[in-house]
Every structure is written in structure tokens, then in C-alpha cells.
PDB file of N, CA and C in Angstrom:
ATOM      1  N   MET A   1      34.166 209.960  88.978  1.00  0.00           N
ATOM      2  CA  MET A   1      33.714 211.255  88.515  1.00  0.00           C
ATOM      3  C   MET A   1      34.185 212.336  89.494  1.00  0.00           C
ATOM      4  N   LYS A   2      34.547 213.479  88.952  1.00  0.00           N
ATOM      5  CA  LYS A   2      35.061 214.574  89.774  1.00  0.00           C
ATOM      6  C   LYS A   2      33.926 215.226  90.569  1.00  0.00           C
ATOM      7  N   PRO A   3      34.250 215.761  91.758  1.00  0.00           N
ATOM      8  CA  PRO A   3      33.197 216.361  92.592  1.00  0.00           C
ATOM      9  C   PRO A   3      32.485 217.535  91.919  1.00  0.00           C
ATOM     10  N   GLN A   4      33.197 218.330  91.108  1.00  0.00           N
ATOM     11  CA  GLN A   4      32.551 219.457  90.434  1.00  0.00           C
ATOM     12  C   GLN A   4      31.512 218.958  89.418  1.00  0.00           C
ATOM     13  N   ASP A   5      31.798 217.830  88.780  1.00  0.00           N
ATOM     14  CA  ASP A   5      30.836 217.236  87.851  1.00  0.00           C
ATOM     15  C   ASP A   5      29.639 216.661  88.606  1.00  0.00           C
ATOM     16  N   LEU A   6      29.911 215.992  89.710  1.00  0.00           N
ATOM     17  CA  LEU A   6      28.829 215.442  90.531  1.00  0.00           C
ATOM     18  C   LEU A   6      27.922 216.544  91.064  1.00  0.00           C
ATOM     19  N   TYR A   7      28.511 217.665  91.466  1.00  0.00           N
ATOM     20  CA  TYR A   7      27.730 218.797  91.963  1.00  0.00           C
ATOM     21  C   TYR A   7      26.679 219.183  90.919  1.00  0.00           C
ATOM     22  N   ILE A   8      27.122 219.322  89.679  1.00  0.00           N
ATOM     23  CA  ILE A   8      26.223 219.748  88.610  1.00  0.00           C
ATOM     24  C   ILE A   8      25.206 218.658  88.282  1.00  0.00           C
ATOM     25  N   LEU A   9      25.671 217.441  88.086  1.00  0.00           N
ATOM     26  CA  LEU A   9      24.786 216.355  87.672  1.00  0.00           C
ATOM     27  C   LEU A   9      23.772 215.950  88.735  1.00  0.00           C
ATOM     28  N   ASN A  10      24.091 216.187  89.998  1.00  0.00           N
ATOM     29  CA  ASN A  10      23.185 215.805  91.085  1.00  0.00           C
ATOM     30  C   ASN A  10      22.176 216.897  91.438  1.00  0.00           C
ATOM     31  N   GLN A  11      22.186 218.002  90.723  1.00  0.00           N
ATOM     32  CA  GLN A  11      21.219 219.075  90.979  1.00  0.00           C
ATOM     33  C   GLN A  11      19.854 218.691  90.416  1.00  0.00           C
ATOM     34  N   PRO A  12      18.789 219.243  91.006  1.00  0.00           N
ATOM     35  CA  PRO A  12      17.474 219.069  90.371  1.00  0.00           C
ATOM     36  C   PRO A  12      17.524 219.613  88.934  1.00  0.00           C
ATOM     37  N   GLU A  13      16.660 219.096  88.085  1.00  0.00           N
ATOM     38  CA  GLU A  13      16.735 219.366  86.649  1.00  0.00           C
ATOM     39  C   GLU A  13      16.799 220.850  86.299  1.00  0.00           C
ATOM     40  N   LYS A  14      15.980 221.681  86.933  1.00  0.00           N
ATOM     41  CA  LYS A  14      15.962 223.093  86.533  1.00  0.00           C
ATOM     42  C   LYS A  14      17.305 223.777  86.796  1.00  0.00           C
ATOM     43  N   TYR A  15      17.992 223.403  87.870  1.00  0.00           N
ATOM     44  CA  TYR A  15      19.319 223.972  88.147  1.00  0.00           C
ATOM     45  C   TYR A  15      20.381 223.328  87.259  1.00  0.00           C
ATOM     46  N   ARG A  16      20.279 222.019  87.105  1.00  0.00           N
ATOM     47  CA  ARG A  16      21.256 221.284  86.297  1.00  0.00           C
ATOM     48  C   ARG A  16      21.289 221.811  84.859  1.00  0.00           C
ATOM     49  N   ASP A  17      20.119 222.047  84.289  1.00  0.00           N
ATOM     50  CA  ASP A  17      20.066 222.544  82.915  1.00  0.00           C
ATOM     51  C   ASP A  17      20.762 223.901  82.787  1.00  0.00           C
ATOM     52  N   ILE A  18      20.501 224.786  83.713  1.00  0.00           N
ATOM     53  CA  ILE A  18      21.144 226.111  83.691  1.00  0.00           C
ATOM     54  C   ILE A  18      22.650 225.959  83.866  1.00  0.00           C
ATOM     55  N   LEU A  19      23.055 225.165  84.837  1.00  0.00           N
ATOM     56  CA  LEU A  19      24.485 224.962  85.102  1.00  0.00           C
ATOM     57  C   LEU A  19      25.203 224.393  83.882  1.00  0.00           C
ATOM     58  N   LEU A  20      24.590 223.415  83.221  1.00  0.00           N
ATOM     59  CA  LEU A  20      25.220 222.808  82.044  1.00  0.00           C
ATOM     60  C   LEU A  20      25.350 223.810  80.898  1.00  0.00           C
ATOM     61  N   HIS A  21      24.356 224.657  80.722  1.00  0.00           N
ATOM     62  CA  HIS A  21      24.428 225.670  79.667  1.00  0.00           C
ATOM     63  C   HIS A  21      25.519 226.696  79.971  1.00  0.00           C
ATOM     64  N   VAL A  22      25.553 227.165  81.202  1.00  0.00           N
ATOM     65  CA  VAL A  22      26.579 228.151  81.580  1.00  0.00           C
ATOM     66  C   VAL A  22      27.961 227.524  81.467  1.00  0.00           C
ATOM     67  N   LEU A  23      28.092 226.295  81.918  1.00  0.00           N
ATOM     68  CA  LEU A  23      29.359 225.575  81.815  1.00  0.00           C
ATOM     69  C   LEU A  23      29.835 225.518  80.364  1.00  0.00           C
ATOM     70  N   ALA A  24      28.934 225.198  79.446  1.00  0.00           N
ATOM     71  CA  ALA A  24      29.292 225.118  78.034  1.00  0.00           C
ATOM     72  C   ALA A  24      29.741 226.473  77.493  1.00  0.00           C
ATOM     73  N   VAL A  25      29.081 227.541  77.921  1.00  0.00           N
ATOM     74  CA  VAL A  25      29.465 228.881  77.466  1.00  0.00           C
ATOM     75  C   VAL A  25      30.844 229.242  77.997  1.00  0.00           C
ATOM     76  N   VAL A  26      31.086 228.997  79.273  1.00  0.00           N
ATOM     77  CA  VAL A  26      32.399 229.311  79.857  1.00  0.00           C
ATOM     78  C   VAL A  26      33.486 228.522  79.137  1.00  0.00           C
ATOM     79  N   GLU A  27      33.251 227.245  78.915  1.00  0.00           N
ATOM     80  CA  GLU A  27      34.258 226.418  78.245  1.00  0.00           C
ATOM     81  C   GLU A  27      34.525 226.883  76.817  1.00  0.00           C
ATOM     82  N   GLN A  28      33.522 227.445  76.153  1.00  0.00           N
ATOM     83  CA  GLN A  28      33.703 227.941  74.792  1.00  0.00           C
ATOM     84  C   GLN A  28      34.416 229.293  74.785  1.00  0.00           C
ATOM     85  N   VAL A  29      34.030 230.186  75.682  1.00  0.00           N
ATOM     86  CA  VAL A  29      34.568 231.548  75.697  1.00  0.00           C
ATOM     87  C   VAL A  29      35.946 231.608  76.360  1.00  0.00           C
ATOM     88  N   VAL A  30      36.140 230.793  77.390  1.00  0.00           N
ATOM     89  CA  VAL A  30      37.397 230.789  78.140  1.00  0.00           C
ATOM     90  C   VAL A  30      37.903 229.344  78.229  1.00  0.00           C
ATOM     91  N   PRO A  31      38.325 228.780  77.085  1.00  0.00           N
ATOM     92  CA  PRO A  31      38.691 227.354  77.069  1.00  0.00           C
ATOM     93  C   PRO A  31      39.878 227.014  77.967  1.00  0.00           C
ATOM     94  N   GLU A  32      40.708 227.975  78.275  1.00  0.00           N
ATOM     95  CA  GLU A  32      41.863 227.706  79.135  1.00  0.00           C
ATOM     96  C   GLU A  32      41.505 227.679  80.619  1.00  0.00           C
ATOM     97  N   ALA A  33      40.282 228.035  80.966  1.00  0.00           N
ATOM     98  CA  ALA A  33      39.849 227.979  82.365  1.00  0.00           C
ATOM     99  C   ALA A  33      39.726 226.522  82.803  1.00  0.00           C
ATOM    100  N   THR A  34      40.097 226.270  84.033  1.00  0.00           N
ATOM    101  CA  THR A  34      39.955 224.925  84.594  1.00  0.00           C
ATOM    102  C   THR A  34      38.839 224.938  85.634  1.00  0.00           C
ATOM    103  N   LEU A  35      38.033 223.902  85.608  1.00  0.00           N
ATOM    104  CA  LEU A  35      36.935 223.780  86.557  1.00  0.00           C
ATOM    105  C   LEU A  35      37.391 222.907  87.717  1.00  0.00           C
ATOM    106  N   GLU A  36      37.349 223.481  88.892  1.00  0.00           N
ATOM    107  CA  GLU A  36      37.738 222.767  90.105  1.00  0.00           C
ATOM    108  C   GLU A  36      36.560 222.751  91.077  1.00  0.00           C
ATOM    109  N   TYR A  37      36.784 222.165  92.230  1.00  0.00           N
ATOM    110  CA  TYR A  37      35.746 222.090  93.252  1.00  0.00           C
ATOM    111  C   TYR A  37      36.313 222.708  94.523  1.00  0.00           C
ATOM    112  N   LYS A  38      35.888 223.927  94.818  1.00  0.00           N
ATOM    113  CA  LYS A  38      36.369 224.643  95.999  1.00  0.00           C
ATOM    114  C   LYS A  38      35.164 225.144  96.777  1.00  0.00           C
ATOM    115  N   TRP A  39      35.248 225.097  98.079  1.00  0.00           N
ATOM    116  CA  TRP A  39      34.180 225.579  98.954  1.00  0.00           C
ATOM    117  C   TRP A  39      32.845 224.933  98.611  1.00  0.00           C
ATOM    118  N   LYS A  40      32.909 223.671  98.167  1.00  0.00           N
ATOM    119  CA  LYS A  40      31.741 222.846  97.876  1.00  0.00           C
ATOM    120  C   LYS A  40      30.926 223.316  96.671  1.00  0.00           C
ATOM    121  N   ILE A  41      31.588 224.060  95.753  1.00  0.00           N
ATOM    122  CA  ILE A  41      30.928 224.499  94.524  1.00  0.00           C
ATOM    123  C   ILE A  41      31.911 224.438  93.348  1.00  0.00           C
ATOM    124  N   PRO A  42      31.396 224.374  92.120  1.00  0.00           N
ATOM    125  CA  PRO A  42      32.277 224.416  90.942  1.00  0.00           C
ATOM    126  C   PRO A  42      32.889 225.809  90.790  1.00  0.00           C
ATOM    127  N   PHE A  43      34.201 225.854  90.650  1.00  0.00           N
ATOM    128  CA  PHE A  43      34.945 227.106  90.625  1.00  0.00           C
ATOM    129  C   PHE A  43      35.895 227.098  89.438  1.00  0.00           C
ATOM    130  N   PHE A  44      35.784 228.093  88.573  1.00  0.00           N
ATOM    131  CA  PHE A  44      36.696 228.218  87.445  1.00  0.00           C
ATOM    132  C   PHE A  44      37.939 229.003  87.857  1.00  0.00           C
ATOM    133  N   TYR A  45      39.088 228.507  87.382  1.00  0.00           N
ATOM    134  CA  TYR A  45      40.365 229.160  87.631  1.00  0.00           C
ATOM    135  C   TYR A  45      41.054 229.459  86.302  1.00  0.00           C
ATOM    136  N   LEU A  46      41.750 230.590  86.271  1.00  0.00           N
ATOM    137  CA  LEU A  46      42.596 230.964  85.145  1.00  0.00           C
ATOM    138  C   LEU A  46      43.989 231.200  85.694  1.00  0.00           C
ATOM    139  N   ASP A  47      44.965 230.483  85.179  1.00  0.00           N
ATOM    140  CA  ASP A  47      46.344 230.621  85.666  1.00  0.00           C
ATOM    141  C   ASP A  47      46.420 230.537  87.188  1.00  0.00           C
ATOM    142  N   LYS A  48      45.691 229.577  87.738  1.00  0.00           N
ATOM    143  CA  LYS A  48      45.669 229.311  89.175  1.00  0.00           C
ATOM    144  C   LYS A  48      45.038 230.437  89.988  1.00  0.00           C
ATOM    145  N   LYS A  49      44.340 231.364  89.329  1.00  0.00           N
ATOM    146  CA  LYS A  49      43.647 232.456  90.018  1.00  0.00           C
ATOM    147  C   LYS A  49      42.146 232.216  89.897  1.00  0.00           C
ATOM    148  N   PRO A  50      41.390 232.433  90.990  1.00  0.00           N
ATOM    149  CA  PRO A  50      39.943 232.246  90.921  1.00  0.00           C
ATOM    150  C   PRO A  50      39.316 233.231  89.938  1.00  0.00           C
ATOM    151  N   PHE A  51      38.454 232.729  89.089  1.00  0.00           N
ATOM    152  CA  PHE A  51      37.869 233.513  88.013  1.00  0.00           C
ATOM    153  C   PHE A  51      36.366 233.741  88.254  1.00  0.00           C
ATOM    154  N   CYS A  52      35.612 232.660  88.288  1.00  0.00           N
ATOM    155  CA  CYS A  52      34.186 232.746  88.587  1.00  0.00           C
ATOM    156  C   CYS A  52      33.714 231.405  89.135  1.00  0.00           C
ATOM    157  N   TYR A  53      32.550 231.424  89.754  1.00  0.00           N
ATOM    158  CA  TYR A  53      32.017 230.172  90.278  1.00  0.00           C
ATOM    159  C   TYR A  53      30.536 230.041  89.973  1.00  0.00           C
ATOM    160  N   LEU A  54      30.050 228.818  90.082  1.00  0.00           N
ATOM    161  CA  LEU A  54      28.657 228.488  89.849  1.00  0.00           C
ATOM    162  C   LEU A  54      28.059 227.950  91.144  1.00  0.00           C
ATOM    163  N   ASN A  55      26.875 228.429  91.473  1.00  0.00           N
ATOM    164  CA  ASN A  55      26.244 227.973  92.700  1.00  0.00           C
ATOM    165  C   ASN A  55      24.737 227.882  92.496  1.00  0.00           C
ATOM    166  N   ALA A  56      24.171 226.731  92.799  1.00  0.00           N
ATOM    167  CA  ALA A  56      22.724 226.560  92.747  1.00  0.00           C
ATOM    168  C   ALA A  56      22.157 226.836  94.128  1.00  0.00           C
ATOM    169  N   SER A  57      21.376 227.883  94.243  1.00  0.00           N
ATOM    170  CA  SER A  57      20.756 228.232  95.518  1.00  0.00           C
ATOM    171  C   SER A  57      19.331 227.683  95.528  1.00  0.00           C
ATOM    172  N   HIS A  58      19.161 226.562  96.182  1.00  0.00           N
ATOM    173  CA  HIS A  58      17.838 225.940  96.235  1.00  0.00           C
ATOM    174  C   HIS A  58      16.887 226.794  97.063  1.00  0.00           C
ATOM    175  N   LYS A  59      17.397 227.377  98.117  1.00  0.00           N
ATOM    176  CA  LYS A  59      16.564 228.188  99.006  1.00  0.00           C
ATOM    177  C   LYS A  59      15.986 229.400  98.264  1.00  0.00           C
ATOM    178  N   LYS A  60      16.844 230.070  97.483  1.00  0.00           N
ATOM    179  CA  LYS A  60      16.398 231.272  96.765  1.00  0.00           C
ATOM    180  C   LYS A  60      16.003 230.973  95.321  1.00  0.00           C
ATOM    181  N   GLN A  61      16.193 229.746  94.905  1.00  0.00           N
ATOM    182  CA  GLN A  61      15.757 229.224  93.618  1.00  0.00           C
ATOM    183  C   GLN A  61      16.372 229.930  92.414  1.00  0.00           C
ATOM    184  N   PHE A  62      17.698 230.028  92.412  1.00  0.00           N
ATOM    185  CA  PHE A  62      18.400 230.554  91.242  1.00  0.00           C
ATOM    186  C   PHE A  62      19.776 229.928  91.153  1.00  0.00           C
ATOM    187  N   VAL A  63      20.391 230.095  89.986  1.00  0.00           N
ATOM    188  CA  VAL A  63      21.786 229.721  89.792  1.00  0.00           C
ATOM    189  C   VAL A  63      22.578 231.008  89.746  1.00  0.00           C
ATOM    190  N   ASP A  64      23.601 231.060  90.547  1.00  0.00           N
ATOM    191  CA  ASP A  64      24.501 232.202  90.647  1.00  0.00           C
ATOM    192  C   ASP A  64      25.718 231.953  89.756  1.00  0.00           C
ATOM    193  N   VAL A  65      26.001 232.877  88.858  1.00  0.00           N
ATOM    194  CA  VAL A  65      27.237 232.862  88.076  1.00  0.00           C
ATOM    195  C   VAL A  65      28.020 234.060  88.594  1.00  0.00           C
ATOM    196  N   ALA A  66      28.941 233.790  89.498  1.00  0.00           N
ATOM    197  CA  ALA A  66      29.583 234.861  90.261  1.00  0.00           C
ATOM    198  C   ALA A  66      30.998 235.138  89.769  1.00  0.00           C
ATOM    199  N   PHE A  67      31.284 236.417  89.588  1.00  0.00           N
ATOM    200  CA  PHE A  67      32.596 236.869  89.129  1.00  0.00           C
ATOM    201  C   PHE A  67      33.376 237.395  90.324  1.00  0.00           C
ATOM    202  N   MET A  68      34.590 236.876  90.491  1.00  0.00           N
ATOM    203  CA  MET A  68      35.389 237.201  91.664  1.00  0.00           C
ATOM    204  C   MET A  68      35.654 238.697  91.814  1.00  0.00           C
ATOM    205  N   ASP A  69      35.921 239.383  90.733  1.00  0.00           N
ATOM    206  CA  ASP A  69      36.144 240.831  90.788  1.00  0.00           C
ATOM    207  C   ASP A  69      34.990 241.561  90.119  1.00  0.00           C
ATOM    208  N   GLY A  70      33.800 241.146  90.418  1.00  0.00           N
ATOM    209  CA  GLY A  70      32.610 241.695  89.787  1.00  0.00           C
ATOM    210  C   GLY A  70      32.437 243.192  89.956  1.00  0.00           C
ATOM    211  N   PHE A  71      32.899 243.724  91.084  1.00  0.00           N
ATOM    212  CA  PHE A  71      32.781 245.157  91.321  1.00  0.00           C
ATOM    213  C   PHE A  71      33.667 245.954  90.377  1.00  0.00           C
ATOM    214  N   GLN A  72      34.709 245.347  89.845  1.00  0.00           N
ATOM    215  CA  GLN A  72      35.643 246.044  88.972  1.00  0.00           C
ATOM    216  C   GLN A  72      35.254 245.952  87.494  1.00  0.00           C
ATOM    217  N   LEU A  73      34.294 245.108  87.186  1.00  0.00           N
ATOM    218  CA  LEU A  73      33.868 244.988  85.795  1.00  0.00           C
ATOM    219  C   LEU A  73      33.126 246.262  85.380  1.00  0.00           C
ATOM    220  N   GLN A  74      33.308 246.643  84.135  1.00  0.00           N
ATOM    221  CA  GLN A  74      32.676 247.859  83.622  1.00  0.00           C
ATOM    222  C   GLN A  74      31.352 247.580  82.922  1.00  0.00           C
ATOM    223  N   LEU A  75      31.267 246.455  82.250  1.00  0.00           N
ATOM    224  CA  LEU A  75      30.080 246.139  81.467  1.00  0.00           C
ATOM    225  C   LEU A  75      28.941 245.616  82.344  1.00  0.00           C
ATOM    226  N   HIS A  76      27.755 245.996  82.018  1.00  0.00           N
ATOM    227  CA  HIS A  76      26.525 245.424  82.579  1.00  0.00           C
ATOM    228  C   HIS A  76      26.460 245.458  84.114  1.00  0.00           C
ATOM    229  N   GLN A  77      27.005 246.494  84.717  1.00  0.00           N
ATOM    230  CA  GLN A  77      26.922 246.592  86.175  1.00  0.00           C
ATOM    231  C   GLN A  77      25.470 246.628  86.646  1.00  0.00           C
ATOM    232  N   ASN A  78      24.587 247.141  85.790  1.00  0.00           N
ATOM    233  CA  ASN A  78      23.164 247.203  86.144  1.00  0.00           C
ATOM    234  C   ASN A  78      22.522 245.821  86.248  1.00  0.00           C
ATOM    235  N   LEU A  79      23.174 244.818  85.685  1.00  0.00           N
ATOM    236  CA  LEU A  79      22.636 243.454  85.723  1.00  0.00           C
ATOM    237  C   LEU A  79      23.324 242.578  86.764  1.00  0.00           C
ATOM    238  N   LEU A  80      24.454 243.035  87.277  1.00  0.00           N
ATOM    239  CA  LEU A  80      25.207 242.250  88.262  1.00  0.00           C
ATOM    240  C   LEU A  80      24.663 242.510  89.659  1.00  0.00           C
ATOM    241  N   ILE A  81      24.561 241.460  90.418  1.00  0.00           N
ATOM    242  CA  ILE A  81      23.968 241.535  91.755  1.00  0.00           C
ATOM    243  C   ILE A  81      25.034 241.346  92.816  1.00  0.00           C
ATOM    244  N   SER A  82      24.931 242.183  93.829  1.00  0.00           N
ATOM    245  CA  SER A  82      25.817 242.073  94.981  1.00  0.00           C
ATOM    246  C   SER A  82      24.941 242.075  96.223  1.00  0.00           C
ATOM    247  N   ASP A  83      25.022 241.029  97.001  1.00  0.00           N
ATOM    248  CA  ASP A  83      24.286 241.010  98.262  1.00  0.00           C
ATOM    249  C   ASP A  83      24.984 240.096  99.249  1.00  0.00           C
ATOM    250  N   GLY A  84      24.460 240.017 100.402  1.00  0.00           N
ATOM    251  CA  GLY A  84      25.020 239.139 101.413  1.00  0.00           C
ATOM    252  C   GLY A  84      26.385 239.584 101.922  1.00  0.00           C
ATOM    253  N   GLY A  85      26.676 240.873 101.805  1.00  0.00           N
ATOM    254  CA  GLY A  85      27.933 241.393 102.326  1.00  0.00           C
ATOM    255  C   GLY A  85      29.142 241.091 101.471  1.00  0.00           C
ATOM    256  N   ARG A  86      28.926 240.735 100.225  1.00  0.00           N
ATOM    257  CA  ARG A  86      30.051 240.440  99.343  1.00  0.00           C
ATOM    258  C   ARG A  86      30.740 241.755  98.969  1.00  0.00           C
ATOM    259  N   SER A  87      32.037 241.809  99.172  1.00  0.00           N
ATOM    260  CA  SER A  87      32.759 243.059  98.922  1.00  0.00           C
ATOM    261  C   SER A  87      33.420 243.109  97.551  1.00  0.00           C
ATOM    262  N   LYS A  88      33.632 241.968  96.901  1.00  0.00           N
ATOM    263  CA  LYS A  88      34.279 241.942  95.595  1.00  0.00           C
ATOM    264  C   LYS A  88      33.442 241.239  94.547  1.00  0.00           C
ATOM    265  N   VAL A  89      32.692 240.258  94.974  1.00  0.00           N
ATOM    266  CA  VAL A  89      31.968 239.378  94.061  1.00  0.00           C
ATOM    267  C   VAL A  89      30.624 239.990  93.653  1.00  0.00           C
ATOM    268  N   LYS A  90      30.344 239.921  92.354  1.00  0.00           N
ATOM    269  CA  LYS A  90      29.024 240.250  91.822  1.00  0.00           C
ATOM    270  C   LYS A  90      28.629 239.126  90.882  1.00  0.00           C
ATOM    271  N   SER A  91      27.318 238.928  90.729  1.00  0.00           N
ATOM    272  CA  SER A  91      26.894 237.772  89.949  1.00  0.00           C
ATOM    273  C   SER A  91      25.678 238.042  89.077  1.00  0.00           C
ATOM    274  N   LEU A  92      25.566 237.193  88.079  1.00  0.00           N
ATOM    275  CA  LEU A  92      24.355 237.081  87.286  1.00  0.00           C
ATOM    276  C   LEU A  92      23.542 235.958  87.919  1.00  0.00           C
ATOM    277  N   ARG A  93      22.242 236.121  87.945  1.00  0.00           N
ATOM    278  CA  ARG A  93      21.384 235.092  88.541  1.00  0.00           C
ATOM    279  C   ARG A  93      20.316 234.678  87.555  1.00  0.00           C
ATOM    280  N   TYR A  94      20.147 233.368  87.476  1.00  0.00           N
ATOM    281  CA  TYR A  94      19.176 232.816  86.532  1.00  0.00           C
ATOM    282  C   TYR A  94      18.236 231.849  87.243  1.00  0.00           C
ATOM    283  N   LYS A  95      16.941 232.067  87.038  1.00  0.00           N
ATOM    284  CA  LYS A  95      15.938 231.150  87.577  1.00  0.00           C
ATOM    285  C   LYS A  95      15.447 230.171  86.519  1.00  0.00           C
ATOM    286  N   THR A  96      15.646 230.525  85.250  1.00  0.00           N
ATOM    287  CA  THR A  96      15.251 229.657  84.145  1.00  0.00           C
ATOM    288  C   THR A  96      16.298 229.753  83.035  1.00  0.00           C
ATOM    289  N   LEU A  97      16.291 228.778  82.153  1.00  0.00           N
ATOM    290  CA  LEU A  97      17.181 228.803  80.989  1.00  0.00           C
ATOM    291  C   LEU A  97      16.882 230.011  80.103  1.00  0.00           C
ATOM    292  N   GLU A  98      15.615 230.343  79.992  1.00  0.00           N
ATOM    293  CA  GLU A  98      15.193 231.433  79.119  1.00  0.00           C
ATOM    294  C   GLU A  98      15.725 232.790  79.582  1.00  0.00           C
ATOM    295  N   GLU A  99      16.056 232.908  80.847  1.00  0.00           N
ATOM    296  CA  GLU A  99      16.566 234.182  81.380  1.00  0.00           C
ATOM    297  C   GLU A  99      18.010 234.455  80.971  1.00  0.00           C
ATOM    298  N   ILE A 100      18.703 233.442  80.510  1.00  0.00           N
ATOM    299  CA  ILE A 100      20.114 233.628  80.176  1.00  0.00           C
ATOM    300  C   ILE A 100      20.237 234.502  78.932  1.00  0.00           C
ATOM    301  N   ASP A 101      20.873 235.646  79.102  1.00  0.00           N
ATOM    302  CA  ASP A 101      21.189 236.518  77.974  1.00  0.00           C
ATOM    303  C   ASP A 101      22.638 236.195  77.604  1.00  0.00           C
ATOM    304  N   TYR A 102      22.791 235.420  76.542  1.00  0.00           N
ATOM    305  CA  TYR A 102      24.115 234.917  76.192  1.00  0.00           C
ATOM    306  C   TYR A 102      25.075 236.037  75.812  1.00  0.00           C
ATOM    307  N   GLU A 103      24.576 237.103  75.201  1.00  0.00           N
ATOM    308  CA  GLU A 103      25.449 238.230  74.858  1.00  0.00           C
ATOM    309  C   GLU A 103      26.039 238.856  76.114  1.00  0.00           C
ATOM    310  N   VAL A 104      25.220 239.038  77.129  1.00  0.00           N
ATOM    311  CA  VAL A 104      25.684 239.608  78.397  1.00  0.00           C
ATOM    312  C   VAL A 104      26.678 238.663  79.064  1.00  0.00           C
ATOM    313  N   LEU A 105      26.324 237.393  79.163  1.00  0.00           N
ATOM    314  CA  LEU A 105      27.202 236.411  79.798  1.00  0.00           C
ATOM    315  C   LEU A 105      28.558 236.356  79.102  1.00  0.00           C
ATOM    316  N   ILE A 106      28.553 236.287  77.786  1.00  0.00           N
ATOM    317  CA  ILE A 106      29.801 236.204  77.024  1.00  0.00           C
ATOM    318  C   ILE A 106      30.630 237.475  77.201  1.00  0.00           C
ATOM    319  N   ALA A 107      29.991 238.633  77.142  1.00  0.00           N
ATOM    320  CA  ALA A 107      30.710 239.900  77.315  1.00  0.00           C
ATOM    321  C   ALA A 107      31.372 239.979  78.687  1.00  0.00           C
ATOM    322  N   LEU A 108      30.657 239.555  79.728  1.00  0.00           N
ATOM    323  CA  LEU A 108      31.220 239.600  81.079  1.00  0.00           C
ATOM    324  C   LEU A 108      32.348 238.585  81.252  1.00  0.00           C
ATOM    325  N   LEU A 109      32.199 237.410  80.676  1.00  0.00           N
ATOM    326  CA  LEU A 109      33.274 236.419  80.753  1.00  0.00           C
ATOM    327  C   LEU A 109      34.541 236.948  80.086  1.00  0.00           C
ATOM    328  N   LYS A 110      34.379 237.574  78.920  1.00  0.00           N
ATOM    329  CA  LYS A 110      35.539 238.113  78.214  1.00  0.00           C
ATOM    330  C   LYS A 110      36.188 239.249  79.006  1.00  0.00           C
ATOM    331  N   GLU A 111      35.370 240.140  79.560  1.00  0.00           N
ATOM    332  CA  GLU A 111      35.932 241.242  80.338  1.00  0.00           C
ATOM    333  C   GLU A 111      36.626 240.733  81.595  1.00  0.00           C
ATOM    334  N   ALA A 112      36.009 239.805  82.298  1.00  0.00           N
ATOM    335  CA  ALA A 112      36.615 239.256  83.521  1.00  0.00           C
ATOM    336  C   ALA A 112      37.932 238.559  83.204  1.00  0.00           C
ATOM    337  N   LYS A 113      37.977 237.861  82.095  1.00  0.00           N
ATOM    338  CA  LYS A 113      39.226 237.195  81.661  1.00  0.00           C
ATOM    339  C   LYS A 113      40.315 238.229  81.378  1.00  0.00           C
ATOM    340  N   GLN A 114      39.982 239.274  80.650  1.00  0.00           N
ATOM    341  CA  GLN A 114      40.956 240.320  80.335  1.00  0.00           C
ATOM    342  C   GLN A 114      41.483 240.992  81.592  1.00  0.00           C
ATOM    343  N   ARG A 115      40.590 241.270  82.528  1.00  0.00           N
ATOM    344  CA  ARG A 115      41.013 241.922  83.782  1.00  0.00           C
ATOM    345  C   ARG A 115      41.969 241.008  84.565  1.00  0.00           C
ATOM    346  N   LEU A 116      41.652 239.746  84.606  1.00  0.00           N
ATOM    347  CA  LEU A 116      42.483 238.804  85.362  1.00  0.00           C
ATOM    348  C   LEU A 116      43.846 238.639  84.699  1.00  0.00           C
ATOM    349  N   GLU A 117      43.866 238.639  83.378  1.00  0.00           N
ATOM    350  CA  GLU A 117      45.143 238.481  82.666  1.00  0.00           C
ATOM    351  C   GLU A 117      46.058 239.691  82.842  1.00  0.00           C
ATOM    352  N   LYS A 118      45.477 240.857  83.080  1.00  0.00           N
ATOM    353  CA  LYS A 118      46.277 242.073  83.264  1.00  0.00           C
ATOM    354  C   LYS A 118      46.955 242.108  84.635  1.00  0.00           C
ATOM    355  N   HIS A 119      46.391 241.380  85.579  1.00  0.00           N
ATOM    356  CA  HIS A 119      46.940 241.437  86.953  1.00  0.00           C
ATOM    357  C   HIS A 119      47.756 240.231  87.297  1.00  0.00           C
TER     358      HIS A 119
END
């Protein structure tokens, strides 16, 4: 089994469920993205360029869906979080499955894909 799959499957249930749902959405919206394992987390790539990553923060108790050029995205900036000194990355954070707003997630995935394809 690949390390990115093990990362997800070995998470406690509340994180694993969120990760699996987000993974399914990314695979549906951006089927050409490849899931790799970089910096000890699952990382999606498009045309060999980093696109977004998934991270389960046990300490802060959320799943981070982080967009590499999050600061450049136009949609839903009010929902994207930037902290910890991140200069480019912004993320959606989910503590429960119910918090996932699929319309927002899908819109951001599509916008991030379009931005990456232009550059």
C-alpha cells in the first residue's frame, strides 16, 4: 500500500472520514490530479506542480485542505485560513464531516486548477 493511502487509513476515524470524503471530491473534480506523499502528508499534483494537500492536525483537531496558491484565489477568501506564517498557502479546515460545504470545496478546487493551468 502506498504511504499516502496509509496516512489516510491510519488516522483516527473522525479524521479518516473527512479525509476520505475530501479525497473523493478532489478525485471527482480534478481527476487528472495525482496523489503523492510529500513532507509526510498526502499531496495532490497537477502536471507535476503542487496543487493542494491534506493534513490531519491531531493537536488542533481539524483536517486541513490547503491550497498552494490560496492567497491568489478569488473565491471564498473569507472562508480560507492563513496562519502559522504561511505566505502562499490558505486552507479550508474541517472538524466534522458536517462542516464540509461541498459547493465551496468544489468551487475552490476548480479555481485552483484553472489558476495552475494558466501558469
